[in-house]
Amino acid sequence: MRGRDEETGEFFSESRSQNRREALEVLALGEKLVELTAAQLARLPIPADLLEHIEYSKRITSHGARKRQLAFLAKQMRREDDATLDAIRDAMEANSETSKRAVALMHRIERWRERLLAEGDAALAELLDEYPDADRQALRTLVRNALAEKARNKPPRAYREIYQALRELMLPALAGADAGPAADEADDTDQPTA
């Protein structure tokens, strides 16, 4: 029985339903952690003792045993303070957001490469409008070489070089766009005032 405060009428502790919801959230987090690779786990702020339980849970393949082990893992995770679990959740969300951005950039680069190969100078002009620092002549040469390689059934060396050139061109621009107004404010503080 959780009891009530006689003066305010408020309950002393959370309800059993609230406790169960929180326990199920921790169990779901544990299941997600078990599905991650060792490299992904290494990037998360997971305490060493909890990491051992996660690694052990990964090795269990029997359905019933795995379910029991996940419940045990969740129990161990609930012993951690809320700040630790929140840090793990935040890091997982940041990693997934970072990977989404990386995949989106990769797709954008591939679309530009295909456009350059299909449309030629028209697509190159649009690319130069968007990225004025691009080397027109180098890109034009790479496109011409990639088309020649394809026509002769040669390995796609220039095709890959186009991707690398576009990546080097777009990655700094993306990093600058992510910094956004915070970078502008930092630049303003570095300026001496007259």
C-alpha atoms as a PDB file:
ATOM      1  CA  MET A   1       0.000   0.000   0.000  1.00  0.00           C
ATOM      2  CA  ARG A   2       1.473   3.313  -0.975  1.00  0.00           C
ATOM      3  CA  GLY A   3      -0.410   5.585   1.400  1.00  0.00           C
ATOM      4  CA  ARG A   4      -1.580   9.169   1.204  1.00  0.00           C
ATOM      5  CA  ASP A   5      -0.505  12.400   2.767  1.00  0.00           C
ATOM      6  CA  GLU A   6      -3.287  13.374   5.198  1.00  0.00           C
ATOM      7  CA  GLU A   7      -2.882  17.118   4.601  1.00  0.00           C
ATOM      8  CA  THR A   8      -2.655  17.278   0.808  1.00  0.00           C
ATOM      9  CA  GLY A   9      -4.287  13.996  -0.168  1.00  0.00           C
ATOM     10  CA  GLU A  10      -1.396  13.217  -2.559  1.00  0.00           C
ATOM     11  CA  PHE A  11       0.054   9.735  -2.819  1.00  0.00           C
ATOM     12  CA  PHE A  12       3.497   9.133  -1.300  1.00  0.00           C
ATOM     13  CA  SER A  13       4.826   7.146  -4.254  1.00  0.00           C
ATOM     14  CA  GLU A  14       4.044   6.381  -7.859  1.00  0.00           C
ATOM     15  CA  SER A  15       1.246   4.014  -8.719  1.00  0.00           C
ATOM     16  CA  ARG A  16       1.916   0.389  -9.592  1.00  0.00           C
ATOM     17  CA  SER A  17       0.794   1.142 -13.153  1.00  0.00           C
ATOM     18  CA  GLN A  18       3.388   3.905 -13.447  1.00  0.00           C
ATOM     19  CA  ASN A  19       6.082   1.621 -12.030  1.00  0.00           C
ATOM     20  CA  ARG A  20       5.119  -1.080 -14.554  1.00  0.00           C
ATOM     21  CA  ARG A  21       5.242   1.391 -17.475  1.00  0.00           C
ATOM     22  CA  GLU A  22       8.715   2.503 -16.432  1.00  0.00           C
ATOM     23  CA  ALA A  23       9.861  -1.118 -16.053  1.00  0.00           C
ATOM     24  CA  LEU A  24       8.568  -1.938 -19.555  1.00  0.00           C
ATOM     25  CA  GLU A  25      10.412   1.099 -20.963  1.00  0.00           C
ATOM     26  CA  VAL A  26      13.643  -0.151 -19.402  1.00  0.00           C
ATOM     27  CA  LEU A  27      12.970  -3.656 -20.789  1.00  0.00           C
ATOM     28  CA  ALA A  28      12.468  -2.185 -24.281  1.00  0.00           C
ATOM     29  CA  LEU A  29      15.722  -0.235 -23.918  1.00  0.00           C
ATOM     30  CA  GLY A  30      17.492  -3.441 -22.892  1.00  0.00           C
ATOM     31  CA  GLU A  31      16.129  -5.255 -25.951  1.00  0.00           C
ATOM     32  CA  LYS A  32      17.422  -2.462 -28.200  1.00  0.00           C
ATOM     33  CA  LEU A  33      20.844  -2.597 -26.539  1.00  0.00           C
ATOM     34  CA  VAL A  34      21.090  -6.355 -27.074  1.00  0.00           C
ATOM     35  CA  GLU A  35      20.396  -5.866 -30.798  1.00  0.00           C
ATOM     36  CA  LEU A  36      23.314  -3.407 -31.226  1.00  0.00           C
ATOM     37  CA  THR A  37      26.722  -4.433 -32.508  1.00  0.00           C
ATOM     38  CA  ALA A  38      29.813  -4.298 -30.306  1.00  0.00           C
ATOM     39  CA  ALA A  39      31.009  -1.153 -32.126  1.00  0.00           C
ATOM     40  CA  GLN A  40      27.686   0.592 -31.539  1.00  0.00           C
ATOM     41  CA  LEU A  41      27.700  -0.403 -27.868  1.00  0.00           C
ATOM     42  CA  ALA A  42      31.233   0.978 -27.478  1.00  0.00           C
ATOM     43  CA  ARG A  43      29.965   4.434 -28.473  1.00  0.00           C
ATOM     44  CA  LEU A  44      27.339   4.458 -25.721  1.00  0.00           C
ATOM     45  CA  PRO A  45      27.970   5.504 -22.098  1.00  0.00           C
ATOM     46  CA  ILE A  46      27.169   2.085 -20.629  1.00  0.00           C
ATOM     47  CA  PRO A  47      28.673   1.087 -17.259  1.00  0.00           C
ATOM     48  CA  ALA A  48      31.048  -1.900 -17.471  1.00  0.00           C
ATOM     49  CA  ASP A  49      28.966  -4.218 -15.268  1.00  0.00           C
ATOM     50  CA  LEU A  50      25.871  -3.550 -17.382  1.00  0.00           C
ATOM     51  CA  LEU A  51      27.873  -4.119 -20.563  1.00  0.00           C
ATOM     52  CA  GLU A  52      28.774  -7.616 -19.327  1.00  0.00           C
ATOM     53  CA  HIS A  53      25.069  -8.443 -18.881  1.00  0.00           C
ATOM     54  CA  ILE A  54      24.303  -7.132 -22.377  1.00  0.00           C
ATOM     55  CA  GLU A  55      27.087  -9.213 -23.928  1.00  0.00           C
ATOM     56  CA  TYR A  56      25.883 -12.312 -22.085  1.00  0.00           C
ATOM     57  CA  SER A  57      22.296 -11.685 -23.248  1.00  0.00           C
ATOM     58  CA  LYS A  58      23.483 -11.562 -26.857  1.00  0.00           C
ATOM     59  CA  ARG A  59      24.869 -15.101 -26.631  1.00  0.00           C
ATOM     60  CA  ILE A  60      21.596 -16.708 -25.535  1.00  0.00           C
ATOM     61  CA  THR A  61      19.551 -18.058 -28.432  1.00  0.00           C
ATOM     62  CA  SER A  62      16.829 -20.135 -26.751  1.00  0.00           C
ATOM     63  CA  HIS A  63      13.581 -18.148 -26.717  1.00  0.00           C
ATOM     64  CA  GLY A  64      12.593 -18.809 -23.104  1.00  0.00           C
ATOM     65  CA  ALA A  65      16.100 -18.380 -21.749  1.00  0.00           C
ATOM     66  CA  ARG A  66      16.568 -15.196 -23.757  1.00  0.00           C
ATOM     67  CA  LYS A  67      13.317 -13.761 -22.392  1.00  0.00           C
ATOM     68  CA  ARG A  68      14.414 -14.529 -18.813  1.00  0.00           C
ATOM     69  CA  GLN A  69      17.858 -13.046 -19.442  1.00  0.00           C
ATOM     70  CA  LEU A  70      16.320  -9.859 -20.903  1.00  0.00           C
ATOM     71  CA  ALA A  71      14.135  -9.565 -17.793  1.00  0.00           C
ATOM     72  CA  PHE A  72      17.250  -9.970 -15.644  1.00  0.00           C
ATOM     73  CA  LEU A  73      19.072  -7.368 -17.759  1.00  0.00           C
ATOM     74  CA  ALA A  74      16.162  -4.955 -17.271  1.00  0.00           C
ATOM     75  CA  LYS A  75      16.334  -5.576 -13.508  1.00  0.00           C
ATOM     76  CA  GLN A  76      20.039  -4.731 -13.519  1.00  0.00           C
ATOM     77  CA  MET A  77      19.345  -1.623 -15.603  1.00  0.00           C
ATOM     78  CA  ARG A  78      16.666  -0.430 -13.163  1.00  0.00           C
ATOM     79  CA  ARG A  79      19.333  -0.482 -10.444  1.00  0.00           C
ATOM     80  CA  GLU A  80      21.210   2.214 -12.360  1.00  0.00           C
ATOM     81  CA  ASP A  81      20.273   5.804 -11.680  1.00  0.00           C
ATOM     82  CA  ASP A  82      17.929   7.628 -14.064  1.00  0.00           C
ATOM     83  CA  ALA A  83      20.725   9.890 -15.314  1.00  0.00           C
ATOM     84  CA  THR A  84      22.683   6.874 -16.618  1.00  0.00           C
ATOM     85  CA  LEU A  85      19.670   5.462 -18.465  1.00  0.00           C
ATOM     86  CA  ASP A  86      18.815   8.895 -19.873  1.00  0.00           C
ATOM     87  CA  ALA A  87      22.403   9.310 -21.091  1.00  0.00           C
ATOM     88  CA  ILE A  88      22.206   5.932 -22.858  1.00  0.00           C
ATOM     89  CA  ARG A  89      18.881   6.875 -24.483  1.00  0.00           C
ATOM     90  CA  ASP A  90      20.217  10.269 -25.584  1.00  0.00           C
ATOM     91  CA  ALA A  91      23.349   8.714 -27.069  1.00  0.00           C
ATOM     92  CA  MET A  92      21.278   6.141 -28.953  1.00  0.00           C
ATOM     93  CA  GLU A  93      19.043   8.871 -30.382  1.00  0.00           C
ATOM     94  CA  ALA A  94      22.054  10.985 -31.346  1.00  0.00           C
ATOM     95  CA  ASN A  95      23.694   8.006 -33.046  1.00  0.00           C
ATOM     96  CA  SER A  96      20.558   7.194 -34.985  1.00  0.00           C
ATOM     97  CA  GLU A  97      20.162  10.845 -36.031  1.00  0.00           C
ATOM     98  CA  THR A  98      23.806  10.975 -37.106  1.00  0.00           C
ATOM     99  CA  SER A  99      23.476   7.804 -39.134  1.00  0.00           C
ATOM    100  CA  LYS A 100      20.281   9.098 -40.766  1.00  0.00           C
ATOM    101  CA  ARG A 101      22.128  12.257 -41.812  1.00  0.00           C
ATOM    102  CA  ALA A 102      25.046  10.225 -43.154  1.00  0.00           C
ATOM    103  CA  VAL A 103      22.731   8.023 -45.212  1.00  0.00           C
ATOM    104  CA  ALA A 104      20.865  11.067 -46.516  1.00  0.00           C
ATOM    105  CA  LEU A 105      24.176  12.643 -47.572  1.00  0.00           C
ATOM    106  CA  MET A 106      25.230   9.429 -49.300  1.00  0.00           C
ATOM    107  CA  HIS A 107      21.959   9.320 -51.254  1.00  0.00           C
ATOM    108  CA  ARG A 108      22.294  12.983 -52.201  1.00  0.00           C
ATOM    109  CA  ILE A 109      25.827  12.412 -53.488  1.00  0.00           C
ATOM    110  CA  GLU A 110      24.686   9.393 -55.495  1.00  0.00           C
ATOM    111  CA  ARG A 111      21.828  11.387 -57.048  1.00  0.00           C
ATOM    112  CA  TRP A 112      24.225  14.165 -58.052  1.00  0.00           C
ATOM    113  CA  ARG A 113      26.638  11.633 -59.543  1.00  0.00           C
ATOM    114  CA  GLU A 114      23.867  10.036 -61.603  1.00  0.00           C
ATOM    115  CA  ARG A 115      22.657  13.458 -62.740  1.00  0.00           C
ATOM    116  CA  LEU A 116      26.166  14.473 -63.774  1.00  0.00           C
ATOM    117  CA  LEU A 117      26.526  11.303 -65.816  1.00  0.00           C
ATOM    118  CA  ALA A 118      23.061  11.558 -67.387  1.00  0.00           C
ATOM    119  CA  GLU A 119      22.675  15.316 -67.924  1.00  0.00           C
ATOM    120  CA  GLY A 120      26.281  16.424 -68.342  1.00  0.00           C
ATOM    121  CA  ASP A 121      27.003  20.166 -68.372  1.00  0.00           C
ATOM    122  CA  ALA A 122      23.443  21.181 -67.394  1.00  0.00           C
ATOM    123  CA  ALA A 123      23.713  19.254 -64.111  1.00  0.00           C
ATOM    124  CA  LEU A 124      27.276  20.507 -63.618  1.00  0.00           C
ATOM    125  CA  ALA A 125      26.065  24.111 -63.937  1.00  0.00           C
ATOM    126  CA  GLU A 126      23.393  23.479 -61.272  1.00  0.00           C
ATOM    127  CA  LEU A 127      25.978  21.854 -59.010  1.00  0.00           C
ATOM    128  CA  LEU A 128      28.287  24.860 -59.406  1.00  0.00           C
ATOM    129  CA  ASP A 129      25.413  27.202 -58.546  1.00  0.00           C
ATOM    130  CA  GLU A 130      24.878  25.305 -55.307  1.00  0.00           C
ATOM    131  CA  TYR A 131      28.581  24.705 -54.590  1.00  0.00           C
ATOM    132  CA  PRO A 132      30.633  27.535 -56.131  1.00  0.00           C
ATOM    133  CA  ASP A 133      33.905  26.120 -54.740  1.00  0.00           C
ATOM    134  CA  ALA A 134      33.626  23.020 -56.936  1.00  0.00           C
ATOM    135  CA  ASP A 135      36.342  22.438 -59.526  1.00  0.00           C
ATOM    136  CA  ARG A 136      34.446  22.504 -62.828  1.00  0.00           C
ATOM    137  CA  GLN A 137      37.258  21.129 -64.938  1.00  0.00           C
ATOM    138  CA  ALA A 138      38.096  18.242 -62.592  1.00  0.00           C
ATOM    139  CA  LEU A 139      34.454  17.186 -62.350  1.00  0.00           C
ATOM    140  CA  ARG A 140      33.961  17.455 -66.113  1.00  0.00           C
ATOM    141  CA  THR A 141      37.058  15.271 -66.659  1.00  0.00           C
ATOM    142  CA  LEU A 142      35.851  12.680 -64.134  1.00  0.00           C
ATOM    143  CA  VAL A 143      32.424  12.537 -65.793  1.00  0.00           C
ATOM    144  CA  ARG A 144      33.986  12.106 -69.238  1.00  0.00           C
ATOM    145  CA  ASN A 145      36.313   9.364 -67.925  1.00  0.00           C
ATOM    146  CA  ALA A 146      33.444   7.562 -66.147  1.00  0.00           C
ATOM    147  CA  LEU A 147      31.371   7.530 -69.331  1.00  0.00           C
ATOM    148  CA  ALA A 148      34.363   6.228 -71.314  1.00  0.00           C
ATOM    149  CA  GLU A 149      34.999   3.497 -68.721  1.00  0.00           C
ATOM    150  CA  LYS A 150      31.387   2.403 -68.910  1.00  0.00           C
ATOM    151  CA  ALA A 151      31.451   2.318 -72.717  1.00  0.00           C
ATOM    152  CA  ARG A 152      34.610   0.138 -72.689  1.00  0.00           C
ATOM    153  CA  ASN A 153      33.411  -2.135 -69.850  1.00  0.00           C
ATOM    154  CA  LYS A 154      36.370  -1.095 -67.687  1.00  0.00           C
ATOM    155  CA  PRO A 155      36.387  -0.975 -63.873  1.00  0.00           C
ATOM    156  CA  PRO A 156      34.490   2.086 -62.588  1.00  0.00           C
ATOM    157  CA  ARG A 157      37.463   4.002 -61.184  1.00  0.00           C
ATOM    158  CA  ALA A 158      36.374   7.484 -62.323  1.00  0.00           C
ATOM    159  CA  TYR A 159      32.803   6.663 -61.248  1.00  0.00           C
ATOM    160  CA  ARG A 160      34.090   6.159 -57.687  1.00  0.00           C
ATOM    161  CA  GLU A 161      36.288   9.257 -57.924  1.00  0.00           C
ATOM    162  CA  ILE A 162      33.209  11.352 -58.779  1.00  0.00           C
ATOM    163  CA  TYR A 163      31.596  10.126 -55.566  1.00  0.00           C
ATOM    164  CA  GLN A 164      34.706  11.019 -53.540  1.00  0.00           C
ATOM    165  CA  ALA A 165      34.961  14.461 -55.123  1.00  0.00           C
ATOM    166  CA  LEU A 166      31.295  15.188 -54.453  1.00  0.00           C
ATOM    167  CA  ARG A 167      31.615  13.914 -50.890  1.00  0.00           C
ATOM    168  CA  GLU A 168      34.591  16.187 -50.220  1.00  0.00           C
ATOM    169  CA  LEU A 169      32.593  19.059 -51.691  1.00  0.00           C
ATOM    170  CA  MET A 170      29.328  18.452 -49.807  1.00  0.00           C
ATOM    171  CA  LEU A 171      30.574  17.267 -46.417  1.00  0.00           C
ATOM    172  CA  PRO A 172      32.080  20.601 -45.273  1.00  0.00           C
ATOM    173  CA  ALA A 173      29.002  22.453 -46.496  1.00  0.00           C
ATOM    174  CA  LEU A 174      26.785  20.085 -44.499  1.00  0.00           C
ATOM    175  CA  ALA A 175      28.921  20.496 -41.377  1.00  0.00           C
ATOM    176  CA  GLY A 176      28.688  24.276 -41.710  1.00  0.00           C
ATOM    177  CA  ALA A 177      24.908  24.086 -42.117  1.00  0.00           C
ATOM    178  CA  ASP A 178      24.583  21.907 -38.985  1.00  0.00           C
ATOM    179  CA  ALA A 179      26.467  24.476 -36.921  1.00  0.00           C
ATOM    180  CA  GLY A 180      23.899  27.073 -37.998  1.00  0.00           C
ATOM    181  CA  PRO A 181      23.257  30.132 -35.828  1.00  0.00           C
ATOM    182  CA  ALA A 182      25.429  28.844 -32.980  1.00  0.00           C
ATOM    183  CA  ALA A 183      28.504  29.149 -35.197  1.00  0.00           C
ATOM    184  CA  ASP A 184      27.501  32.676 -36.197  1.00  0.00           C
ATOM    185  CA  GLU A 185      27.121  33.663 -32.543  1.00  0.00           C
ATOM    186  CA  ALA A 186      30.532  32.197 -31.750  1.00  0.00           C
ATOM    187  CA  ASP A 187      32.047  34.196 -34.617  1.00  0.00           C
ATOM    188  CA  ASP A 188      30.423  37.378 -33.292  1.00  0.00           C
ATOM    189  CA  THR A 189      31.906  36.891 -29.806  1.00  0.00           C
ATOM    190  CA  ASP A 190      35.407  36.504 -31.231  1.00  0.00           C
ATOM    191  CA  GLN A 191      35.199  39.890 -32.945  1.00  0.00           C
ATOM    192  CA  PRO A 192      36.705  42.759 -30.941  1.00  0.00           C
ATOM    193  CA  THR A 193      34.239  45.552 -30.269  1.00  0.00           C
ATOM    194  CA  ALA A 194      35.175  49.097 -31.164  1.00  0.00           C
END
